[in-house]
Protein backbone atom coordinates (compact mmCIF):
# COMPACT_ATOMS: atom_id res chain seq x y z
CA MET A 1 -26.72 -49.31 10.31
CA LYS A 2 -23.62 -48.63 8.23
CA ASN A 3 -25.45 -45.80 6.44
CA ILE A 4 -26.44 -44.25 9.76
CA ILE A 5 -22.86 -44.39 11.03
CA LEU A 6 -21.59 -42.92 7.77
CA PHE A 7 -24.15 -40.11 7.97
CA ILE A 8 -23.19 -39.31 11.57
CA PHE A 9 -19.49 -39.33 10.67
CA CYS A 10 -19.97 -37.02 7.66
CA SER A 11 -22.14 -34.69 9.71
CA PHE A 12 -19.44 -34.55 12.35
CA LEU A 13 -16.81 -33.66 9.74
CA PHE A 14 -19.09 -31.00 8.28
CA LEU A 15 -19.72 -29.41 11.67
CA GLN A 16 -16.03 -29.54 12.45
CA SER A 17 -15.20 -27.75 9.19
CA ILE A 18 -17.71 -25.00 9.99
CA ALA A 19 -16.30 -24.55 13.47
CA GLN A 20 -12.77 -24.50 12.14
CA LYS A 21 -13.62 -21.98 9.41
CA SER A 22 -15.06 -19.57 11.97
CA LEU A 23 -11.64 -19.08 13.57
CA LEU A 24 -10.29 -17.15 10.60
CA LYS A 25 -11.43 -13.54 10.34
CA SER A 26 -9.28 -12.52 7.36
CA GLY A 27 -6.32 -13.82 5.41
CA PRO A 28 -4.09 -15.66 5.12
CA TRP A 29 -1.98 -13.75 2.59
CA ALA A 30 1.70 -13.66 1.72
CA GLY A 31 3.65 -10.42 1.70
CA ASN A 32 7.11 -8.90 1.98
CA VAL A 33 8.25 -11.58 -0.48
CA GLU A 34 11.97 -11.36 -1.12
CA LEU A 35 14.65 -13.64 -2.60
CA ARG A 36 14.76 -16.14 0.27
CA THR A 37 12.20 -14.88 2.77
CA ALA A 38 8.50 -14.02 3.00
CA GLU A 39 5.79 -13.46 5.60
CA ILE A 40 2.26 -14.79 6.03
CA TRP A 41 -0.41 -12.64 7.70
CA PHE A 42 -3.81 -13.62 9.09
CA GLU A 43 -6.33 -12.56 11.74
CA THR A 44 -8.57 -14.74 13.88
CA VAL A 45 -11.82 -14.01 15.66
CA SER A 46 -10.47 -15.28 18.98
CA PRO A 47 -7.15 -16.28 20.53
CA VAL A 48 -5.53 -19.47 19.23
CA ALA A 49 -3.45 -21.99 21.14
CA SER A 50 -1.12 -22.65 18.21
CA ALA A 51 -0.64 -21.76 14.56
CA GLU A 52 1.62 -23.17 11.86
CA ILE A 53 2.35 -22.54 8.21
CA HIS A 54 3.09 -25.69 6.22
CA LEU A 55 5.12 -24.63 3.19
CA THR A 56 5.62 -26.75 0.06
CA GLU A 57 7.79 -26.04 -2.99
CA LEU A 58 5.88 -26.47 -6.25
CA LYS A 59 8.48 -28.45 -8.18
CA PRO A 60 9.21 -32.16 -8.72
CA SER A 61 11.69 -32.42 -5.86
CA ALA A 62 9.31 -30.65 -3.52
CA SER A 63 10.48 -30.06 0.01
CA LYS A 64 8.26 -29.17 2.94
CA LYS A 65 8.85 -26.90 5.92
CA VAL A 66 6.78 -26.04 8.97
CA PHE A 67 6.89 -22.59 10.59
CA ALA A 68 5.20 -22.10 13.97
CA ILE A 69 4.40 -18.89 15.83
CA LYS A 70 3.86 -18.00 19.44
CA PRO A 71 0.25 -16.87 20.01
CA GLN A 72 -0.36 -13.26 20.99
CA THR A 73 -2.16 -12.02 24.07
CA LEU A 74 -3.85 -8.92 22.64
CA LYS A 75 -7.38 -8.11 23.73
CA ASP A 76 -10.17 -8.31 21.11
CA PHE A 77 -7.89 -8.21 18.01
CA TYR A 78 -5.76 -11.16 17.00
CA THR A 79 -3.38 -10.54 14.10
CA TYR A 80 -0.48 -12.86 13.38
CA LYS A 81 2.62 -12.79 11.21
CA VAL A 82 4.66 -15.85 10.34
CA GLU A 83 8.17 -15.29 9.01
CA LEU A 84 9.30 -17.78 6.35
CA THR A 85 13.07 -18.15 5.94
CA GLY A 86 15.58 -20.26 4.04
CA LEU A 87 13.53 -20.21 0.85
CA GLU A 88 14.87 -20.72 -2.67
CA ILE A 89 15.09 -17.92 -5.24
CA ASN A 90 12.60 -17.72 -8.12
CA THR A 91 10.54 -20.53 -6.64
CA GLU A 92 6.78 -20.92 -6.28
CA TYR A 93 5.44 -22.09 -2.94
CA LYS A 94 2.10 -23.28 -1.63
CA TYR A 95 1.25 -22.63 2.01
CA ASP A 96 -1.38 -24.11 4.30
CA LEU A 97 -2.46 -22.59 7.60
CA PHE A 98 -2.97 -24.87 10.58
CA ILE A 99 -4.73 -23.47 13.65
CA ASN A 100 -4.86 -25.46 16.86
CA GLY A 101 -3.45 -28.42 14.96
CA LYS A 102 -6.08 -28.45 12.19
CA LYS A 103 -5.79 -27.28 8.60
CA GLU A 104 -7.73 -24.07 8.07
CA PRO A 105 -10.10 -24.23 5.06
CA VAL A 106 -9.64 -21.17 2.84
CA ASN A 107 -11.17 -20.13 -0.48
CA THR A 108 -8.35 -17.85 -1.67
CA ASN A 109 -5.03 -18.31 -3.41
CA THR A 110 -2.31 -19.66 -1.10
CA LEU A 111 0.62 -19.39 -3.49
CA PHE A 112 3.55 -17.00 -3.78
CA LYS A 113 6.79 -16.85 -5.74
CA THR A 114 10.11 -15.57 -4.46
CA LYS A 115 12.04 -12.98 -6.43
CA ASP A 116 14.58 -13.90 -9.07
CA LEU A 117 18.28 -13.16 -8.58
CA TRP A 118 18.82 -11.22 -11.80
CA GLN A 119 21.53 -8.77 -10.71
CA PHE A 120 24.87 -9.28 -12.53
CA ARG A 121 23.31 -12.22 -14.37
CA LYS A 122 20.58 -11.11 -16.77
CA PRO A 123 18.57 -8.03 -17.82
CA ALA A 124 16.18 -6.55 -15.27
CA PRO A 125 12.85 -8.43 -15.41
CA ASP A 126 9.73 -6.73 -16.72
CA PHE A 127 6.97 -6.51 -14.12
CA THR A 128 3.61 -4.98 -13.26
CA PHE A 129 2.04 -3.60 -10.10
CA LEU A 130 -1.27 -2.08 -9.03
CA ALA A 131 -1.89 1.03 -6.94
CA GLY A 132 -4.78 3.04 -5.58
CA SER A 133 -6.03 5.02 -2.58
CA CYS A 134 -9.16 5.91 -0.63
CA SER A 135 -11.05 2.77 0.35
CA TYR A 136 -14.28 3.34 2.30
CA PHE A 137 -16.66 0.61 3.47
CA ASN A 138 -20.02 1.88 4.67
CA GLN A 139 -21.24 1.20 8.22
CA PRO A 140 -24.48 3.23 8.39
CA GLU A 141 -24.85 3.28 12.16
CA TYR A 142 -21.52 5.13 12.44
CA ASP A 143 -21.38 6.99 9.10
CA ARG A 144 -22.45 10.57 8.61
CA PRO A 145 -26.10 11.04 7.52
CA GLY A 146 -26.93 11.42 3.85
CA GLU A 147 -25.63 9.74 0.70
CA PRO A 148 -23.36 6.79 1.53
CA TYR A 149 -19.71 7.74 1.16
CA GLY A 150 -18.54 4.26 0.15
CA LYS A 151 -19.26 3.13 -3.39
CA ASP A 152 -19.01 -0.10 -5.39
CA SER A 153 -16.46 -2.37 -3.68
CA SER A 154 -16.43 -4.83 -6.60
CA ILE A 155 -13.41 -2.86 -7.85
CA PHE A 156 -11.32 -5.07 -5.54
CA GLU A 157 -12.57 -8.19 -7.33
CA THR A 158 -11.57 -6.58 -10.63
CA MET A 159 -8.11 -5.75 -9.31
CA ALA A 160 -7.66 -9.31 -8.07
CA LYS A 161 -8.00 -10.59 -11.63
CA PHE A 162 -5.01 -8.58 -12.86
CA PRO A 163 -1.79 -10.69 -12.93
CA ALA A 164 0.34 -8.13 -11.10
CA ASN A 165 3.49 -8.77 -9.06
CA PHE A 166 2.23 -6.68 -6.12
CA ASN A 167 -0.19 -3.94 -5.05
CA ILE A 168 0.57 -0.63 -3.32
CA TRP A 169 -2.01 1.07 -1.11
CA LEU A 170 -1.48 4.84 -1.37
CA GLY A 171 -3.19 5.86 1.86
CA ASP A 172 -6.71 6.22 3.29
CA ASN A 173 -6.74 2.43 3.13
CA TRP A 174 -9.53 2.48 5.68
CA TYR A 175 -11.47 5.43 7.11
CA THR A 176 -11.66 6.01 10.83
CA ARG A 177 -14.88 7.71 12.00
CA GLU A 178 -15.66 9.75 15.07
CA VAL A 179 -16.42 6.51 16.93
CA ASP A 180 -12.97 5.17 16.03
CA TYR A 181 -10.22 7.75 16.27
CA LEU A 182 -10.78 8.86 19.87
CA SER A 183 -9.71 5.51 21.35
CA LYS A 184 -7.12 2.80 20.82
CA TRP A 185 -9.86 0.18 20.66
CA GLY A 186 -11.69 2.16 18.00
CA LEU A 187 -8.60 2.45 15.81
CA ASN A 188 -8.05 -1.30 16.05
CA TYR A 189 -11.72 -1.97 15.36
CA ARG A 190 -11.73 -0.01 12.12
CA ALA A 191 -8.65 -1.74 10.74
CA SER A 192 -9.96 -5.16 11.73
CA VAL A 193 -13.51 -4.81 10.43
CA ASP A 194 -12.43 -3.31 7.09
CA ARG A 195 -9.65 -5.83 6.49
CA SER A 196 -12.10 -8.70 7.08
CA LYS A 197 -14.40 -7.73 4.18
CA LYS A 198 -14.92 -10.74 1.94
CA VAL A 199 -14.54 -8.67 -1.21
CA LEU A 200 -10.92 -7.89 -0.26
CA GLN A 201 -9.69 -11.40 0.40
CA ASN A 202 -8.82 -12.45 -3.16
CA LEU A 203 -6.88 -9.27 -3.85
CA MET A 204 -4.92 -9.55 -0.62
CA ALA A 205 -4.10 -13.21 -1.27
CA ASN A 206 -3.31 -12.98 -5.00
CA MET A 207 -0.26 -10.72 -4.68
CA PRO A 208 1.96 -9.13 -2.02
CA GLN A 209 0.59 -5.89 -0.54
CA TYR A 210 2.61 -2.81 0.47
CA ALA A 211 1.21 0.37 1.98
CA ILE A 212 1.64 3.91 3.20
CA TRP A 213 -1.01 5.82 5.12
CA ASP A 214 -2.77 9.17 4.89
CA ASP A 215 -4.92 11.06 7.37
CA HIS A 216 -7.96 8.76 7.54
CA ASP A 217 -6.11 5.55 8.35
CA PHE A 218 -3.71 7.51 10.57
CA GLY A 219 -6.44 9.30 12.54
CA PRO A 220 -8.94 12.15 12.02
CA ASN A 221 -9.33 14.19 8.85
CA ASP A 222 -6.20 16.28 8.15
CA ALA A 223 -4.47 14.74 11.17
CA SER A 224 -0.89 15.80 11.85
CA LYS A 225 1.85 14.98 14.35
CA SER A 226 -0.30 16.46 17.13
CA TYR A 227 -2.66 13.47 16.97
CA ILE A 228 -2.57 12.05 20.48
CA LEU A 229 -2.91 8.39 19.38
CA LYS A 230 -0.34 8.48 16.57
CA ASP A 231 1.86 5.86 18.22
CA GLU A 232 -1.08 3.51 18.58
CA SER A 233 -1.89 4.12 14.90
CA ARG A 234 1.66 3.14 14.06
CA LYS A 235 1.32 -0.11 16.01
CA ILE A 236 -1.92 -0.93 14.19
CA PHE A 237 -0.35 -0.17 10.82
CA MET A 238 2.48 -2.55 11.68
CA ASN A 239 -0.03 -5.22 12.76
CA TYR A 240 -2.05 -5.08 9.54
CA TRP A 241 0.60 -4.63 6.85
CA LEU A 242 3.65 -6.57 5.72
CA ASN A 243 6.14 -3.84 4.81
CA PRO A 244 9.91 -4.50 5.03
CA SER A 245 10.28 -1.95 7.86
CA TYR A 246 8.44 0.87 9.63
CA GLY A 247 10.36 4.11 10.02
CA GLU A 248 13.35 4.43 12.33
CA ASP A 249 13.83 4.70 16.09
CA GLY A 250 10.22 3.71 16.70
CA LYS A 251 8.89 6.67 14.70
CA GLY A 252 7.00 6.82 11.42
CA ILE A 253 6.17 4.09 8.89
CA TYR A 254 8.43 5.01 5.94
CA THR A 255 10.40 2.30 4.14
CA LYS A 256 11.81 1.23 0.78
CA VAL A 257 10.71 -1.61 -1.50
CA SER A 258 12.79 -2.74 -4.48
CA PHE A 259 11.56 -4.80 -7.40
CA SER A 260 13.63 -5.48 -10.52
CA ASP A 261 15.29 -2.16 -11.46
CA VAL A 262 12.84 0.09 -9.60
CA ASP A 263 13.10 1.45 -6.05
CA PHE A 264 9.90 2.53 -4.30
CA PHE A 265 10.31 5.01 -1.43
CA LEU A 266 7.18 4.64 0.70
CA THR A 267 7.08 7.86 2.70
CA ASP A 268 5.11 8.93 5.78
CA ASN A 269 3.27 12.23 5.31
CA ARG A 270 1.52 12.27 8.71
CA TYR A 271 3.63 11.19 11.68
CA PHE A 272 6.11 14.11 11.44
CA ARG A 273 3.84 16.61 9.70
CA THR A 274 2.84 19.94 11.20
CA ASP A 275 -0.59 21.37 10.55
CA GLN A 276 -0.98 22.82 7.07
CA ASP A 277 -2.13 26.15 8.58
CA TYR A 278 1.34 26.73 10.02
CA ALA A 279 2.77 29.86 8.39
CA ASP A 280 5.13 29.07 5.51
CA SER A 281 7.22 32.16 6.29
CA LEU A 282 8.10 34.14 9.40
CA ASN A 283 9.73 37.57 9.20
CA GLY A 284 10.55 37.07 5.54
CA LYS A 285 12.17 33.65 6.06
CA LEU A 286 10.83 30.20 5.38
CA ASN A 287 9.50 28.63 8.56
CA ASP A 288 11.84 25.85 9.76
CA GLU A 289 9.14 24.54 12.09
CA LYS A 290 6.72 23.68 9.29
CA THR A 291 7.49 20.08 8.35
CA TYR A 292 6.04 17.57 5.90
CA PHE A 293 8.46 14.63 6.10
CA GLY A 294 10.41 15.97 9.07
CA GLN A 295 14.18 16.08 9.39
CA GLN A 296 14.64 12.40 10.30
CA GLN A 297 12.67 11.15 7.32
CA MET A 298 14.06 13.75 4.93
CA GLU A 299 17.62 12.68 5.74
CA TRP A 300 16.64 9.06 5.17
CA LEU A 301 14.98 9.88 1.85
CA LYS A 302 17.89 11.93 0.52
CA ASN A 303 20.48 9.34 1.48
CA SER A 304 18.33 6.55 0.07
CA LEU A 305 17.98 8.36 -3.24
CA LEU A 306 21.74 8.92 -3.42
CA ASN A 307 22.35 5.26 -2.67
CA SER A 308 19.85 4.03 -5.27
CA ARG A 309 21.05 2.69 -8.63
CA ALA A 310 17.52 2.00 -9.83
CA THR A 311 16.37 2.98 -13.30
CA PHE A 312 13.20 4.51 -11.84
CA LYS A 313 12.96 5.96 -8.33
CA VAL A 314 9.30 6.20 -7.29
CA ILE A 315 8.65 8.48 -4.32
CA ILE A 316 5.24 7.60 -2.85
CA SER A 317 3.31 10.15 -0.79
CA GLY A 318 -0.17 10.13 0.73
CA SER A 319 -0.69 13.71 -0.46
CA GLN A 320 0.17 15.24 -3.80
CA VAL A 321 3.63 16.76 -4.15
CA LEU A 322 3.78 18.92 -7.30
CA ASN A 323 0.30 20.47 -7.69
CA TYR A 324 0.67 24.25 -7.31
CA ASN A 325 -2.98 24.81 -8.31
CA THR A 326 -4.73 22.93 -5.53
CA THR A 327 -6.12 24.26 -2.27
CA TYR A 328 -6.02 20.77 -0.73
CA ASP A 329 -3.20 18.86 0.96
CA CYS A 330 0.00 19.13 -1.05
CA MET A 331 3.70 19.29 -0.25
CA VAL A 332 4.04 22.62 -2.11
CA TYR A 333 2.44 24.25 0.96
CA TYR A 334 5.41 23.11 3.02
CA LYS A 335 7.77 25.37 1.16
CA LYS A 336 10.94 24.86 3.13
CA GLU A 337 10.92 21.07 2.80
CA PHE A 338 9.51 21.20 -0.72
CA ASN A 339 12.28 23.53 -1.86
CA GLU A 340 14.83 21.43 0.00
CA LEU A 341 13.74 18.28 -1.84
CA MET A 342 13.56 19.98 -5.24
CA ASP A 343 17.02 21.54 -4.76
CA PHE A 344 18.43 18.20 -3.66
CA LEU A 345 17.12 16.39 -6.73
CA LEU A 346 18.61 19.08 -8.95
CA THR A 347 22.00 19.61 -7.35
CA GLN A 348 22.61 15.89 -6.80
CA LYS A 349 21.49 15.11 -10.37
CA ILE A 350 19.11 12.33 -9.29
CA ASN A 351 17.78 10.60 -12.41
CA GLY A 352 14.59 8.62 -12.89
CA VAL A 353 12.40 10.27 -10.22
CA ILE A 354 8.61 9.85 -10.41
CA PHE A 355 6.13 10.80 -7.68
CA LEU A 356 3.11 8.58 -6.93
CA SER A 357 0.32 9.86 -4.67
CA GLY A 358 -3.27 9.35 -3.53
CA ASP A 359 -5.82 11.29 -1.44
CA ARG A 360 -7.58 13.47 -4.02
CA HIS A 361 -10.65 11.37 -4.97
CA HIS A 362 -9.75 11.85 -8.58
CA SER A 363 -6.79 10.67 -10.63
CA GLU A 364 -4.47 12.80 -12.71
CA ILE A 365 -0.86 13.29 -13.72
CA ILE A 366 0.81 16.58 -12.79
CA LYS A 367 3.91 17.73 -14.69
CA LYS A 368 6.46 20.13 -13.23
CA GLU A 369 8.85 21.62 -15.76
CA ARG A 370 12.43 22.20 -14.67
CA PRO A 371 14.43 24.34 -17.14
CA GLU A 372 17.72 23.05 -15.74
CA SER A 373 16.75 19.37 -15.86
CA TYR A 374 14.12 16.84 -16.89
CA PRO A 375 10.47 17.42 -15.87
CA LEU A 376 9.02 15.80 -12.76
CA TYR A 377 5.70 13.93 -12.74
CA ASP A 378 3.24 13.25 -9.92
CA ILE A 379 0.84 10.39 -10.72
CA THR A 380 -2.24 10.51 -8.48
CA VAL A 381 -4.51 7.44 -8.26
CA SER A 382 -7.82 7.88 -6.39
CA PRO A 383 -10.45 6.82 -5.35
CA LEU A 384 -10.91 3.07 -5.00
CA THR A 385 -14.31 3.02 -3.28
CA SER A 386 -14.72 6.44 -1.67
CA ARG A 387 -16.97 9.01 -3.28
CA ALA A 388 -15.26 10.53 -6.33
CA GLY A 389 -14.52 14.27 -6.28
CA LYS A 390 -14.73 16.77 -9.11
CA ALA A 391 -11.93 19.20 -9.87
CA LYS A 392 -12.85 22.71 -8.72
CA GLY A 393 -11.60 26.26 -9.23
CA GLY A 394 -8.12 26.53 -10.67
CA GLU A 395 -7.89 22.75 -10.92
CA VAL A 396 -10.59 22.44 -13.58
CA GLU A 397 -8.23 23.61 -16.31
CA ASN A 398 -5.01 22.95 -14.44
CA PRO A 399 -2.17 23.84 -16.85
CA LEU A 400 0.14 21.48 -14.97
CA ARG A 401 -2.04 18.45 -15.71
CA VAL A 402 -1.07 16.05 -18.49
CA PRO A 403 -3.92 16.44 -21.01
CA GLY A 404 -6.58 13.75 -20.73
CA SER A 405 -5.34 12.37 -17.42
CA LEU A 406 -8.14 13.69 -15.17
CA ILE A 407 -10.38 10.82 -14.03
CA GLU A 408 -13.33 11.63 -11.79
CA GLU A 409 -14.69 8.18 -10.97
CA GLN A 410 -13.65 5.03 -9.13
CA ASN A 411 -10.39 3.74 -10.58
CA PHE A 412 -7.05 2.06 -9.93
CA GLY A 413 -3.69 2.14 -11.64
CA ASN A 414 -2.08 -0.80 -13.42
CA PHE A 415 1.62 0.01 -13.80
CA SER A 416 4.25 -1.76 -15.87
CA VAL A 417 8.00 -1.46 -16.26
CA SER A 418 9.41 -3.05 -19.39
CA GLY A 419 11.95 -2.81 -22.19
CA GLU A 420 15.56 -3.51 -23.01
CA PRO A 421 18.41 -2.30 -20.79
CA LYS A 422 19.00 1.47 -21.02
CA ASN A 423 15.66 1.82 -22.81
CA ARG A 424 13.16 0.96 -20.08
CA VAL A 425 9.61 2.30 -20.10
CA PHE A 426 7.41 3.17 -17.09
CA LYS A 427 3.72 2.99 -17.96
CA VAL A 428 0.41 3.41 -16.16
CA ASP A 429 -3.05 2.38 -17.33
CA PHE A 430 -6.00 3.67 -15.33
CA TYR A 431 -8.94 1.25 -15.10
CA ASP A 432 -12.47 1.71 -13.81
CA LYS A 433 -14.23 -0.63 -11.39
CA LYS A 434 -15.23 -2.99 -14.21
CA GLY A 435 -11.78 -3.15 -15.80
CA LYS A 436 -12.32 -0.65 -18.61
CA ASN A 437 -9.22 1.30 -19.64
CA LEU A 438 -9.76 5.01 -18.98
CA PHE A 439 -6.36 6.52 -19.82
CA SER A 440 -2.80 5.42 -20.56
CA TRP A 441 0.50 7.24 -20.15
CA SER A 442 4.15 6.26 -20.31
CA ILE A 443 7.61 7.75 -19.94
CA LYS A 444 10.99 6.45 -21.09
CA GLU A 445 13.96 6.26 -18.76
CA ASN A 446 15.95 8.51 -21.10
CA ASP A 447 13.32 11.23 -20.66
CA LEU A 448 14.03 11.25 -16.92
CA LYS A 449 17.75 11.94 -17.07
CA GLU A 450 19.77 15.06 -16.40
CA LYS A 451 20.41 17.16 -19.50
C-alpha cells in the first residue's frame, strides 16, 4: 500500500513539473547588468497570475531578495521584465523564477555578475564580448520556395560556450516575412517564435544581450521611416530586448552601453532613415532631406562622443558605414550625414573610434584612410545563420578591405579589450559555426589617436 501511495505521489509531482514547465516559452535571462541593478526577461505561453524572481548572493553571507512584477494584459504574447535593484558591486547572483507561486524548472544558466567599480580605483578591467548579425530560422510554410535561407543554427550553441561578458546583436536578429510585417500580430509572432528556439536559450542565459536592429527585424526588406508599423516594431523591440534605453521622445531605439573603458553607441539606422533612392544632391547641393540617423539621433551621437572619455568608442550600425565600393546599404550613400559625421570626428579630434556593423552576409574589415588623422575601421560581422553571400563586382578585390578579412560563411566575432593603461588593445577573432578561428585582427589605442 505504501508503495502504491508513493508511486501516486511521485506521479503527481512529475505531472505537476510538466505542467509547470509548459508555462515558460523562453528565458529567463539576465540583461542590462550594471553596478547595482539588472533585469530579468522571460516569456510565457499564456497569462500568469503572478511572477517573482528570488535572488541569492553567491557568497558566504548570502542574502536573499524577492522581486515581484505585475502581470501584463497583452493578447497572445506575454513578455515580462523584472527590475532588480539594490544589488552589490562585483557580486555574483543566482536567480530563480517563480510563476503562480511555484518555482519554474529551467535547464539554462541562472547566474549573473554585477560590474566592478574600477573607476578611480584600479586599471580598467580586460573583457571580451561576442557580436554577429543575420539570424534566420526556417519556417517552410511561410518561407520563399527553393533552397532554405536559414542554415546551421548550432552556431548559437558554439557561441554559448565562449566565456564572454556580453553579446551584441548587430541587426536582422530575426527575419519578418510577408505573413509577418503587414500586421502588428505578425510582427509580434515572428519575434516570439524565433526567440523561443531551444538552440538560443543557453546563449541568451549565459551572458547579457544587447541589440540594435536592421531592416528585417524592423519590417520589410530595405524598410525606412515610411514603414507604417515602425512604432509597433519599436514596442516589440523594447519587449524582447534588455537595452539601457530606447531612443528619445518615444522615437528610435538608439542607446549607449559602457563596459570597462569602452563606450558602445548602439545606433538606429531604420527609424529615421529615408529611402536609399532619395537623391544625394539637388541643384548641386547635398540633399538635407536624405537622412540616415536623422537630426535627433545625430545630435545625440555627436554629444555622446564628445562626452565620452572611453579608450575605444565603438559606433554600431545595422548597415556598413565606410564601404565606398558596395552597391548595398551603406551610410556613404547618405552623403550629407556621412560627411557631417566624418567632419565632426575630424574637427572635434575624437580619438578611439571604431565602427561595428552587420547586414552583409559576409564579414570583413574596411579601412578608411584619413590623411589629416588616424584611419577609421568598419568591422562587419555576418551572417550567423542566414545564407552567406559572396562578394561581387568591385567588392571582390575591394582595396579598402583589410587583407585576409573577407569571410564568406557563417561566423561570429569574439572581441577582446586588454592591456595596460595607455596601451590597450582592441582585438577581434572571427569564428565559424564549429568554433574554428577564421581570421584575427587587432588595433592599439595609440593607433587610433589624432596625429
